[in-house]
Amino acid sequence: MAVPVKVKKRKKNGQPYAVVDNILDRNFQSDHPLEKLVTDITYLPYGQKQLYLSSILDVYNGEVIAFTIGDKQDTDFVLHTLDQLPTLPENCVLHSDQGSVYTSYEYQKAVKTKGITMSMSRKGTPADNASIESFHSSLKSETFYLNSIDRTTTAIVERTVIEYIHYYNNIRIQTKLNNQSPINYRQLAV
């Protein structure tokens, strides 16, 4: 008697490449825009589904400078976010966790091609990437956890994230930025 079995599909996130040193070392201070960047992926749950948000934040002013929303977190997903970066200064550091998408050969090659120095958190230490973790927490607590989004659509989740990032960058003041929004702070410093 044969028992029907569903074979589990395995994710292919890219071949593991290498873990790099924690150059950022929790130093979340920066004197210049685009000097230190942090990146991570967070999940966006709604109903019985979830989407993912890959974002890159400038430590200088807390501005989200690139992001992608998708339904799977693979290497192509984070490469799409990386491709949105503007021209960066020499010695720019991009800090991430040790997720398989960030340790993949394709991702590390793309980072190196852009002239970026990679930095990675110690394994299982989200505090090493506190700036981006804090942004993701604010996003969820100020949108998803406030409003019941159990019965919603992918389009509504995407619009919510896009609108929040615009609000976060342009309107939401931060005490550490002399009560300015990230973009206002950057513009006043120029």
N, C-alpha and C. Protein backbone atom coordinates (compact mmCIF):
# COMPACT_ATOMS: atom_id res chain seq x y z
N MET A 1 0.83 -1.18 0.00
CA MET A 1 0.00 0.00 0.00
C MET A 1 0.89 1.25 0.00
N ALA A 2 0.69 2.10 -0.98
CA ALA A 2 1.48 3.32 -1.11
C ALA A 2 0.79 4.48 -0.39
N VAL A 3 1.56 5.19 0.35
CA VAL A 3 1.05 6.37 1.06
C VAL A 3 1.49 7.60 0.27
N PRO A 4 0.54 8.47 -0.09
CA PRO A 4 0.94 9.67 -0.83
C PRO A 4 1.79 10.60 0.04
N VAL A 5 2.86 11.07 -0.53
CA VAL A 5 3.78 11.94 0.18
C VAL A 5 4.04 13.18 -0.68
N LYS A 6 3.98 14.31 -0.05
CA LYS A 6 4.31 15.55 -0.75
C LYS A 6 5.79 15.83 -0.54
N VAL A 7 6.53 15.89 -1.63
CA VAL A 7 7.96 16.14 -1.54
C VAL A 7 8.18 17.64 -1.32
N LYS A 8 8.95 17.94 -0.31
CA LYS A 8 9.22 19.33 0.04
C LYS A 8 10.21 19.94 -0.95
N LYS A 9 9.87 21.11 -1.48
CA LYS A 9 10.80 21.81 -2.36
C LYS A 9 11.84 22.50 -1.50
N ARG A 10 13.06 22.45 -1.98
CA ARG A 10 14.13 23.13 -1.26
C ARG A 10 14.41 24.48 -1.88
N LYS A 11 14.67 25.44 -1.02
CA LYS A 11 15.00 26.77 -1.50
C LYS A 11 16.43 26.76 -2.05
N LYS A 12 16.62 27.51 -3.12
CA LYS A 12 17.97 27.70 -3.64
C LYS A 12 18.28 29.18 -3.53
N ASN A 13 18.97 29.55 -2.48
CA ASN A 13 19.26 30.96 -2.22
C ASN A 13 20.64 31.37 -2.73
N GLY A 14 21.30 30.52 -3.48
CA GLY A 14 22.65 30.81 -3.90
C GLY A 14 23.62 29.98 -3.09
N GLN A 15 24.74 29.73 -3.68
CA GLN A 15 25.74 28.92 -3.00
C GLN A 15 26.42 29.75 -1.91
N PRO A 16 26.60 29.16 -0.72
CA PRO A 16 27.27 29.90 0.34
C PRO A 16 28.69 30.28 -0.09
N TYR A 17 29.10 31.46 0.25
CA TYR A 17 30.42 31.93 -0.16
C TYR A 17 31.29 32.14 1.07
N ALA A 18 31.10 33.24 1.75
CA ALA A 18 31.96 33.52 2.89
C ALA A 18 31.29 34.48 3.86
N VAL A 19 31.65 34.34 5.10
CA VAL A 19 31.23 35.28 6.13
C VAL A 19 32.39 36.25 6.30
N VAL A 20 32.08 37.55 6.39
CA VAL A 20 33.14 38.55 6.53
C VAL A 20 33.11 39.13 7.95
N ASP A 21 34.16 39.86 8.29
CA ASP A 21 34.29 40.43 9.63
C ASP A 21 33.24 41.50 9.91
N ASN A 22 33.00 41.71 11.19
CA ASN A 22 32.07 42.74 11.64
C ASN A 22 32.82 44.08 11.74
N ILE A 23 32.99 44.72 10.59
CA ILE A 23 33.72 45.99 10.52
C ILE A 23 32.94 47.10 11.22
N LEU A 24 31.64 47.12 11.05
CA LEU A 24 30.80 48.16 11.66
C LEU A 24 30.90 48.12 13.19
N ASP A 25 30.91 46.92 13.74
CA ASP A 25 31.11 46.71 15.18
C ASP A 25 30.24 47.61 16.06
N ARG A 26 28.96 47.70 15.70
CA ARG A 26 27.95 48.48 16.44
C ARG A 26 28.26 49.98 16.51
N ASN A 27 29.09 50.46 15.63
CA ASN A 27 29.36 51.90 15.57
C ASN A 27 28.36 52.52 14.60
N PHE A 28 27.22 52.93 15.13
CA PHE A 28 26.13 53.46 14.31
C PHE A 28 26.19 54.99 14.21
N GLN A 29 27.38 55.55 14.25
CA GLN A 29 27.60 56.98 14.05
C GLN A 29 28.30 57.16 12.71
N SER A 30 27.89 58.17 11.96
CA SER A 30 28.51 58.45 10.68
C SER A 30 28.51 59.96 10.46
N ASP A 31 29.62 60.48 9.97
CA ASP A 31 29.74 61.92 9.74
C ASP A 31 29.34 62.34 8.33
N HIS A 32 29.16 61.36 7.44
CA HIS A 32 28.87 61.68 6.04
C HIS A 32 27.81 60.75 5.48
N PRO A 33 26.97 61.26 4.59
CA PRO A 33 25.97 60.38 3.93
C PRO A 33 26.66 59.27 3.14
N LEU A 34 26.01 58.12 3.13
CA LEU A 34 26.43 56.96 2.34
C LEU A 34 27.79 56.38 2.75
N GLU A 35 28.23 56.70 3.95
CA GLU A 35 29.49 56.18 4.47
C GLU A 35 29.29 54.78 5.06
N LYS A 36 28.18 54.62 5.80
CA LYS A 36 27.85 53.34 6.42
C LYS A 36 26.39 53.02 6.11
N LEU A 37 26.18 51.85 5.53
CA LEU A 37 24.83 51.40 5.19
C LEU A 37 24.56 50.09 5.91
N VAL A 38 23.30 49.85 6.24
CA VAL A 38 22.91 48.58 6.86
C VAL A 38 21.75 48.00 6.05
N THR A 39 21.69 46.68 6.00
CA THR A 39 20.64 46.02 5.23
C THR A 39 20.13 44.79 5.96
N ASP A 40 18.89 44.46 5.69
CA ASP A 40 18.28 43.26 6.28
C ASP A 40 16.98 42.98 5.56
N ILE A 41 16.41 41.83 5.87
CA ILE A 41 15.11 41.41 5.35
C ILE A 41 14.18 41.22 6.53
N THR A 42 12.95 41.67 6.40
CA THR A 42 11.93 41.40 7.42
C THR A 42 10.70 40.83 6.73
N TYR A 43 9.91 40.11 7.49
CA TYR A 43 8.68 39.56 6.92
C TYR A 43 7.52 40.50 7.21
N LEU A 44 6.55 40.48 6.31
CA LEU A 44 5.36 41.32 6.42
C LEU A 44 4.14 40.40 6.42
N PRO A 45 3.72 39.93 7.60
CA PRO A 45 2.61 38.97 7.64
C PRO A 45 1.26 39.64 7.45
N TYR A 46 0.40 38.96 6.73
CA TYR A 46 -1.00 39.41 6.60
C TYR A 46 -1.84 38.19 6.29
N GLY A 47 -2.92 38.03 7.04
CA GLY A 47 -3.77 36.86 6.86
C GLY A 47 -2.96 35.59 7.02
N GLN A 48 -3.11 34.68 6.06
CA GLN A 48 -2.36 33.43 6.07
C GLN A 48 -1.12 33.51 5.18
N LYS A 49 -0.78 34.70 4.74
CA LYS A 49 0.34 34.89 3.82
C LYS A 49 1.37 35.82 4.43
N GLN A 50 2.49 35.96 3.70
CA GLN A 50 3.46 36.97 4.09
C GLN A 50 4.28 37.39 2.88
N LEU A 51 4.70 38.63 2.92
CA LEU A 51 5.64 39.17 1.95
C LEU A 51 6.94 39.46 2.69
N TYR A 52 7.96 39.82 1.94
CA TYR A 52 9.25 40.16 2.54
C TYR A 52 9.66 41.55 2.09
N LEU A 53 10.36 42.24 2.96
CA LEU A 53 10.91 43.56 2.66
C LEU A 53 12.42 43.50 2.83
N SER A 54 13.13 43.78 1.75
CA SER A 54 14.58 43.95 1.81
C SER A 54 14.84 45.45 1.76
N SER A 55 15.58 45.96 2.72
CA SER A 55 15.82 47.40 2.73
C SER A 55 17.27 47.71 3.08
N ILE A 56 17.71 48.86 2.59
CA ILE A 56 19.05 49.38 2.90
C ILE A 56 18.86 50.77 3.48
N LEU A 57 19.49 51.00 4.63
CA LEU A 57 19.34 52.24 5.38
C LEU A 57 20.70 52.91 5.53
N ASP A 58 20.74 54.22 5.37
CA ASP A 58 21.96 55.00 5.57
C ASP A 58 22.07 55.34 7.06
N VAL A 59 23.14 54.89 7.70
CA VAL A 59 23.33 55.12 9.13
C VAL A 59 23.44 56.62 9.44
N TYR A 60 23.95 57.40 8.52
CA TYR A 60 24.15 58.84 8.72
C TYR A 60 22.88 59.54 9.20
N ASN A 61 21.76 59.27 8.51
CA ASN A 61 20.52 59.96 8.86
C ASN A 61 19.31 59.03 9.01
N GLY A 62 19.54 57.73 8.93
CA GLY A 62 18.44 56.79 9.10
C GLY A 62 17.51 56.70 7.90
N GLU A 63 17.93 57.24 6.77
CA GLU A 63 17.09 57.24 5.56
C GLU A 63 17.11 55.88 4.88
N VAL A 64 15.94 55.40 4.51
CA VAL A 64 15.86 54.17 3.71
C VAL A 64 16.17 54.59 2.27
N ILE A 65 17.29 54.10 1.73
CA ILE A 65 17.73 54.55 0.41
C ILE A 65 17.44 53.54 -0.69
N ALA A 66 17.05 52.32 -0.31
CA ALA A 66 16.69 51.31 -1.30
C ALA A 66 15.82 50.26 -0.62
N PHE A 67 14.84 49.73 -1.36
CA PHE A 67 14.03 48.65 -0.80
C PHE A 67 13.33 47.88 -1.91
N THR A 68 13.03 46.63 -1.59
CA THR A 68 12.29 45.75 -2.50
C THR A 68 11.29 44.97 -1.67
N ILE A 69 10.09 44.79 -2.20
CA ILE A 69 9.06 43.97 -1.58
C ILE A 69 8.83 42.77 -2.49
N GLY A 70 8.78 41.58 -1.91
CA GLY A 70 8.58 40.39 -2.73
C GLY A 70 7.99 39.25 -1.94
N ASP A 71 7.66 38.18 -2.66
CA ASP A 71 7.05 37.03 -1.98
C ASP A 71 8.03 35.91 -1.69
N LYS A 72 9.30 36.07 -2.06
CA LYS A 72 10.32 35.10 -1.65
C LYS A 72 11.63 35.82 -1.44
N GLN A 73 12.37 35.34 -0.47
CA GLN A 73 13.64 35.98 -0.13
C GLN A 73 14.79 35.12 -0.65
N ASP A 74 15.22 35.43 -1.85
CA ASP A 74 16.36 34.73 -2.43
C ASP A 74 17.42 35.75 -2.83
N THR A 75 18.49 35.28 -3.41
CA THR A 75 19.59 36.18 -3.76
C THR A 75 19.15 37.25 -4.75
N ASP A 76 18.33 36.90 -5.73
CA ASP A 76 17.85 37.89 -6.70
C ASP A 76 17.07 39.01 -6.00
N PHE A 77 16.36 38.66 -4.95
CA PHE A 77 15.58 39.63 -4.18
C PHE A 77 16.48 40.72 -3.60
N VAL A 78 17.56 40.32 -2.95
CA VAL A 78 18.46 41.31 -2.34
C VAL A 78 19.32 42.01 -3.40
N LEU A 79 19.61 41.33 -4.50
CA LEU A 79 20.35 41.97 -5.59
C LEU A 79 19.54 43.12 -6.19
N HIS A 80 18.23 42.92 -6.28
CA HIS A 80 17.36 43.98 -6.79
C HIS A 80 17.43 45.22 -5.89
N THR A 81 17.48 45.00 -4.58
CA THR A 81 17.62 46.12 -3.64
C THR A 81 18.98 46.79 -3.81
N LEU A 82 20.03 45.99 -3.91
CA LEU A 82 21.39 46.50 -4.08
C LEU A 82 21.51 47.34 -5.36
N ASP A 83 20.84 46.92 -6.42
CA ASP A 83 20.90 47.63 -7.70
C ASP A 83 20.31 49.04 -7.63
N GLN A 84 19.51 49.32 -6.62
CA GLN A 84 18.88 50.65 -6.49
C GLN A 84 19.80 51.69 -5.86
N LEU A 85 20.95 51.25 -5.34
CA LEU A 85 21.83 52.19 -4.66
C LEU A 85 22.38 53.25 -5.61
N PRO A 86 22.51 54.48 -5.12
CA PRO A 86 23.13 55.53 -5.94
C PRO A 86 24.64 55.30 -6.01
N THR A 87 25.34 56.15 -6.71
CA THR A 87 26.80 56.08 -6.72
C THR A 87 27.29 56.32 -5.30
N LEU A 88 28.18 55.46 -4.85
CA LEU A 88 28.62 55.51 -3.45
C LEU A 88 30.05 56.03 -3.35
N PRO A 89 30.39 56.66 -2.23
CA PRO A 89 31.77 57.12 -2.04
C PRO A 89 32.71 55.94 -1.80
N GLU A 90 33.98 56.19 -1.97
CA GLU A 90 34.97 55.15 -1.67
C GLU A 90 34.87 54.78 -0.20
N ASN A 91 35.19 53.55 0.10
CA ASN A 91 35.21 53.04 1.48
C ASN A 91 33.82 52.95 2.11
N CYS A 92 32.78 52.93 1.32
CA CYS A 92 31.43 52.73 1.85
C CYS A 92 31.34 51.32 2.43
N VAL A 93 30.76 51.20 3.61
CA VAL A 93 30.59 49.90 4.28
C VAL A 93 29.11 49.53 4.23
N LEU A 94 28.83 48.30 3.84
CA LEU A 94 27.45 47.77 3.85
C LEU A 94 27.42 46.60 4.82
N HIS A 95 26.62 46.76 5.87
CA HIS A 95 26.56 45.77 6.96
C HIS A 95 25.27 44.95 6.86
N SER A 96 25.38 43.65 7.04
CA SER A 96 24.22 42.75 7.01
C SER A 96 24.39 41.68 8.08
N ASP A 97 23.38 40.82 8.17
CA ASP A 97 23.54 39.64 9.01
C ASP A 97 24.22 38.56 8.16
N GLN A 98 24.27 37.33 8.69
CA GLN A 98 24.92 36.23 7.98
C GLN A 98 23.93 35.35 7.24
N GLY A 99 22.80 35.91 6.84
CA GLY A 99 21.82 35.15 6.09
C GLY A 99 22.40 34.61 4.80
N SER A 100 21.84 33.51 4.31
CA SER A 100 22.39 32.85 3.12
C SER A 100 22.38 33.75 1.90
N VAL A 101 21.44 34.68 1.81
CA VAL A 101 21.42 35.58 0.66
C VAL A 101 22.62 36.52 0.68
N TYR A 102 23.08 36.90 1.87
CA TYR A 102 24.21 37.82 1.99
C TYR A 102 25.56 37.11 1.91
N THR A 103 25.58 35.82 2.21
CA THR A 103 26.83 35.06 2.10
C THR A 103 26.97 34.40 0.74
N SER A 104 25.98 34.55 -0.13
CA SER A 104 26.04 33.91 -1.45
C SER A 104 27.12 34.56 -2.32
N TYR A 105 27.68 33.77 -3.19
CA TYR A 105 28.72 34.24 -4.11
C TYR A 105 28.20 35.39 -4.97
N GLU A 106 26.98 35.25 -5.50
CA GLU A 106 26.42 36.28 -6.39
C GLU A 106 26.30 37.62 -5.68
N TYR A 107 25.82 37.60 -4.46
CA TYR A 107 25.64 38.85 -3.71
C TYR A 107 26.99 39.49 -3.40
N GLN A 108 27.92 38.69 -2.90
CA GLN A 108 29.21 39.25 -2.54
C GLN A 108 29.96 39.78 -3.76
N LYS A 109 29.80 39.12 -4.88
CA LYS A 109 30.42 39.60 -6.12
C LYS A 109 29.81 40.95 -6.52
N ALA A 110 28.49 41.08 -6.42
CA ALA A 110 27.82 42.33 -6.78
C ALA A 110 28.25 43.47 -5.85
N VAL A 111 28.38 43.18 -4.57
CA VAL A 111 28.82 44.20 -3.60
C VAL A 111 30.24 44.66 -3.94
N LYS A 112 31.11 43.69 -4.21
CA LYS A 112 32.50 44.01 -4.53
C LYS A 112 32.58 44.82 -5.83
N THR A 113 31.76 44.46 -6.83
CA THR A 113 31.74 45.19 -8.10
C THR A 113 31.37 46.65 -7.90
N LYS A 114 30.51 46.93 -6.93
CA LYS A 114 30.11 48.31 -6.64
C LYS A 114 31.16 49.05 -5.80
N GLY A 115 32.24 48.36 -5.43
CA GLY A 115 33.29 48.99 -4.64
C GLY A 115 32.95 49.15 -3.17
N ILE A 116 32.00 48.36 -2.70
CA ILE A 116 31.54 48.44 -1.31
C ILE A 116 32.32 47.45 -0.45
N THR A 117 32.64 47.86 0.77
CA THR A 117 33.25 46.97 1.75
C THR A 117 32.13 46.31 2.55
N MET A 118 32.16 44.99 2.60
CA MET A 118 31.12 44.25 3.34
C MET A 118 31.50 44.12 4.81
N SER A 119 30.46 44.08 5.64
CA SER A 119 30.58 43.84 7.07
C SER A 119 29.40 42.96 7.47
N MET A 120 29.62 42.04 8.40
CA MET A 120 28.53 41.16 8.83
C MET A 120 28.46 41.05 10.35
N SER A 121 27.23 40.98 10.83
CA SER A 121 26.98 40.76 12.26
C SER A 121 27.51 39.40 12.68
N ARG A 122 27.76 39.27 13.96
CA ARG A 122 28.07 37.95 14.49
C ARG A 122 26.80 37.11 14.41
N LYS A 123 26.94 35.84 14.25
CA LYS A 123 25.80 34.95 14.10
C LYS A 123 24.85 35.07 15.30
N GLY A 124 23.55 35.23 15.00
CA GLY A 124 22.54 35.27 16.05
C GLY A 124 22.61 36.50 16.94
N THR A 125 23.11 37.63 16.41
CA THR A 125 23.25 38.84 17.21
C THR A 125 22.58 40.02 16.50
N PRO A 126 21.25 40.13 16.59
CA PRO A 126 20.56 41.21 15.89
C PRO A 126 20.98 42.61 16.36
N ALA A 127 21.49 42.74 17.57
CA ALA A 127 21.93 44.05 18.06
C ALA A 127 23.10 44.59 17.23
N ASP A 128 23.83 43.71 16.55
CA ASP A 128 24.91 44.14 15.67
C ASP A 128 24.38 44.89 14.45
N ASN A 129 23.09 44.78 14.20
CA ASN A 129 22.46 45.44 13.05
C ASN A 129 21.25 46.25 13.55
N ALA A 130 21.43 46.89 14.70
CA ALA A 130 20.32 47.54 15.41
C ALA A 130 19.60 48.62 14.61
N SER A 131 20.31 49.37 13.78
CA SER A 131 19.67 50.46 13.03
C SER A 131 18.56 49.96 12.12
N ILE A 132 18.84 48.93 11.35
CA ILE A 132 17.83 48.42 10.41
C ILE A 132 16.76 47.63 11.16
N GLU A 133 17.15 46.94 12.23
CA GLU A 133 16.17 46.22 13.04
C GLU A 133 15.17 47.21 13.65
N SER A 134 15.67 48.36 14.09
CA SER A 134 14.81 49.39 14.66
C SER A 134 13.85 49.94 13.62
N PHE A 135 14.35 50.19 12.41
CA PHE A 135 13.46 50.67 11.35
C PHE A 135 12.35 49.66 11.07
N HIS A 136 12.72 48.39 10.93
CA HIS A 136 11.72 47.36 10.65
C HIS A 136 10.70 47.26 11.78
N SER A 137 11.15 47.41 13.02
CA SER A 137 10.25 47.40 14.16
C SER A 137 9.27 48.57 14.11
N SER A 138 9.79 49.76 13.78
CA SER A 138 8.92 50.94 13.66
C SER A 138 7.89 50.75 12.56
N LEU A 139 8.32 50.25 11.42
CA LEU A 139 7.41 50.00 10.31
C LEU A 139 6.25 49.11 10.74
N LYS A 140 6.58 48.00 11.38
CA LYS A 140 5.53 47.05 11.77
C LYS A 140 4.64 47.62 12.88
N SER A 141 5.25 48.24 13.89
CA SER A 141 4.44 48.72 15.02
C SER A 141 3.58 49.92 14.65
N GLU A 142 4.01 50.71 13.68
CA GLU A 142 3.25 51.90 13.30
C GLU A 142 2.28 51.64 12.14
N THR A 143 2.31 50.44 11.60
CA THR A 143 1.37 50.12 10.50
C THR A 143 0.68 48.79 10.74
N PHE A 144 1.40 47.71 10.59
CA PHE A 144 0.81 46.38 10.61
C PHE A 144 0.19 46.01 11.95
N TYR A 145 0.86 46.36 13.06
CA TYR A 145 0.34 45.98 14.36
C TYR A 145 -0.77 46.91 14.84
N LEU A 146 -0.85 48.11 14.27
CA LEU A 146 -1.91 49.06 14.64
C LEU A 146 -3.23 48.73 13.95
N ASN A 147 -3.13 48.31 12.72
CA ASN A 147 -4.32 48.06 11.91
C ASN A 147 -4.51 46.57 11.70
N SER A 148 -5.72 46.13 11.72
CA SER A 148 -6.00 44.72 11.45
C SER A 148 -5.90 44.51 9.94
N ILE A 149 -4.89 43.76 9.54
CA ILE A 149 -4.72 43.53 8.11
C ILE A 149 -4.84 42.05 7.78
N ASP A 150 -5.65 41.35 8.56
CA ASP A 150 -5.86 39.93 8.29
C ASP A 150 -6.52 39.71 6.94
N ARG A 151 -7.45 40.59 6.59
CA ARG A 151 -8.17 40.43 5.32
C ARG A 151 -7.75 41.55 4.38
N THR A 152 -6.63 41.38 3.78
CA THR A 152 -6.11 42.40 2.88
C THR A 152 -5.46 41.74 1.68
N THR A 153 -4.90 42.54 0.82
CA THR A 153 -4.30 42.01 -0.40
C THR A 153 -2.82 42.36 -0.44
N THR A 154 -2.11 41.69 -1.33
CA THR A 154 -0.70 42.00 -1.54
C THR A 154 -0.53 43.46 -1.92
N ALA A 155 -1.39 43.96 -2.78
CA ALA A 155 -1.30 45.36 -3.22
C ALA A 155 -1.43 46.33 -2.05
N ILE A 156 -2.31 46.04 -1.11
CA ILE A 156 -2.49 46.92 0.05
C ILE A 156 -1.25 46.88 0.94
N VAL A 157 -0.68 45.70 1.14
CA VAL A 157 0.54 45.58 1.95
C VAL A 157 1.67 46.37 1.28
N GLU A 158 1.83 46.19 -0.02
CA GLU A 158 2.88 46.91 -0.74
C GLU A 158 2.68 48.42 -0.64
N ARG A 159 1.46 48.89 -0.83
CA ARG A 159 1.17 50.32 -0.75
C ARG A 159 1.45 50.85 0.66
N THR A 160 1.07 50.07 1.67
CA THR A 160 1.31 50.46 3.06
C THR A 160 2.80 50.66 3.31
N VAL A 161 3.63 49.74 2.83
CA VAL A 161 5.08 49.84 3.04
C VAL A 161 5.64 51.04 2.28
N ILE A 162 5.26 51.20 1.03
CA ILE A 162 5.76 52.32 0.22
C ILE A 162 5.39 53.66 0.86
N GLU A 163 4.14 53.78 1.30
CA GLU A 163 3.70 55.03 1.94
C GLU A 163 4.42 55.27 3.26
N TYR A 164 4.65 54.19 4.03
CA TYR A 164 5.34 54.36 5.31
C TYR A 164 6.79 54.80 5.09
N ILE A 165 7.46 54.20 4.12
CA ILE A 165 8.86 54.59 3.86
C ILE A 165 8.92 56.05 3.43
N HIS A 166 7.99 56.49 2.62
CA HIS A 166 7.95 57.91 2.23
C HIS A 166 7.74 58.78 3.47
N TYR A 167 6.80 58.40 4.32
CA TYR A 167 6.54 59.12 5.57
C TYR A 167 7.78 59.12 6.46
N TYR A 168 8.40 57.96 6.62
CA TYR A 168 9.56 57.81 7.49
C TYR A 168 10.72 58.69 7.02
N ASN A 169 10.98 58.71 5.73
CA ASN A 169 12.09 59.48 5.17
C ASN A 169 11.82 60.98 5.14
N ASN A 170 10.59 61.38 4.87
CA ASN A 170 10.28 62.78 4.59
C ASN A 170 9.58 63.55 5.70
N ILE A 171 8.83 62.87 6.55
CA ILE A 171 7.98 63.56 7.52
C ILE A 171 8.30 63.20 8.96
N ARG A 172 8.49 61.93 9.24
CA ARG A 172 8.66 61.46 10.62
C ARG A 172 9.95 62.02 11.22
N ILE A 173 9.81 62.88 12.24
CA ILE A 173 11.00 63.47 12.85
C ILE A 173 11.66 62.48 13.80
N GLN A 174 12.96 62.66 13.97
CA GLN A 174 13.73 61.83 14.88
C GLN A 174 14.52 62.73 15.81
N THR A 175 14.45 62.47 17.08
CA THR A 175 15.14 63.27 18.08
C THR A 175 16.64 63.32 17.79
N LYS A 176 17.22 62.18 17.44
CA LYS A 176 18.67 62.13 17.21
C LYS A 176 19.11 62.95 16.00
N LEU A 177 18.14 63.38 15.17
CA LEU A 177 18.44 64.20 14.00
C LEU A 177 18.01 65.66 14.24
N ASN A 178 18.09 66.09 15.48
CA ASN A 178 17.68 67.46 15.86
C ASN A 178 16.25 67.74 15.45
N ASN A 179 15.39 66.78 15.70
CA ASN A 179 13.96 66.88 15.38
C ASN A 179 13.68 67.17 13.90
N GLN A 180 14.47 66.55 13.06
CA GLN A 180 14.29 66.63 11.61
C GLN A 180 13.94 65.25 11.07
N SER A 181 13.35 65.20 9.90
CA SER A 181 13.18 63.93 9.20
C SER A 181 14.52 63.57 8.57
N PRO A 182 14.75 62.31 8.22
CA PRO A 182 16.03 61.93 7.62
C PRO A 182 16.41 62.78 6.39
N ILE A 183 15.49 62.99 5.48
CA ILE A 183 15.82 63.75 4.27
C ILE A 183 16.08 65.22 4.60
N ASN A 184 15.28 65.82 5.48
CA ASN A 184 15.53 67.21 5.89
C ASN A 184 16.91 67.35 6.53
N TYR A 185 17.26 66.39 7.37
CA TYR A 185 18.56 66.42 8.05
C TYR A 185 19.70 66.39 7.04
N ARG A 186 19.61 65.50 6.06
CA ARG A 186 20.64 65.40 5.02
C ARG A 186 20.72 66.69 4.21
N GLN A 187 19.58 67.24 3.84
CA GLN A 187 19.56 68.46 3.03
C GLN A 187 20.12 69.66 3.79
N LEU A 188 19.84 69.75 5.08
CA LEU A 188 20.36 70.86 5.88
C LEU A 188 21.87 70.76 6.09
N ALA A 189 22.39 69.54 6.06
CA ALA A 189 23.81 69.33 6.28
C ALA A 189 24.64 69.66 5.05
N VAL A 190 24.00 69.69 3.89
CA VAL A 190 24.74 69.92 2.63
C VAL A 190 25.14 71.34 2.46
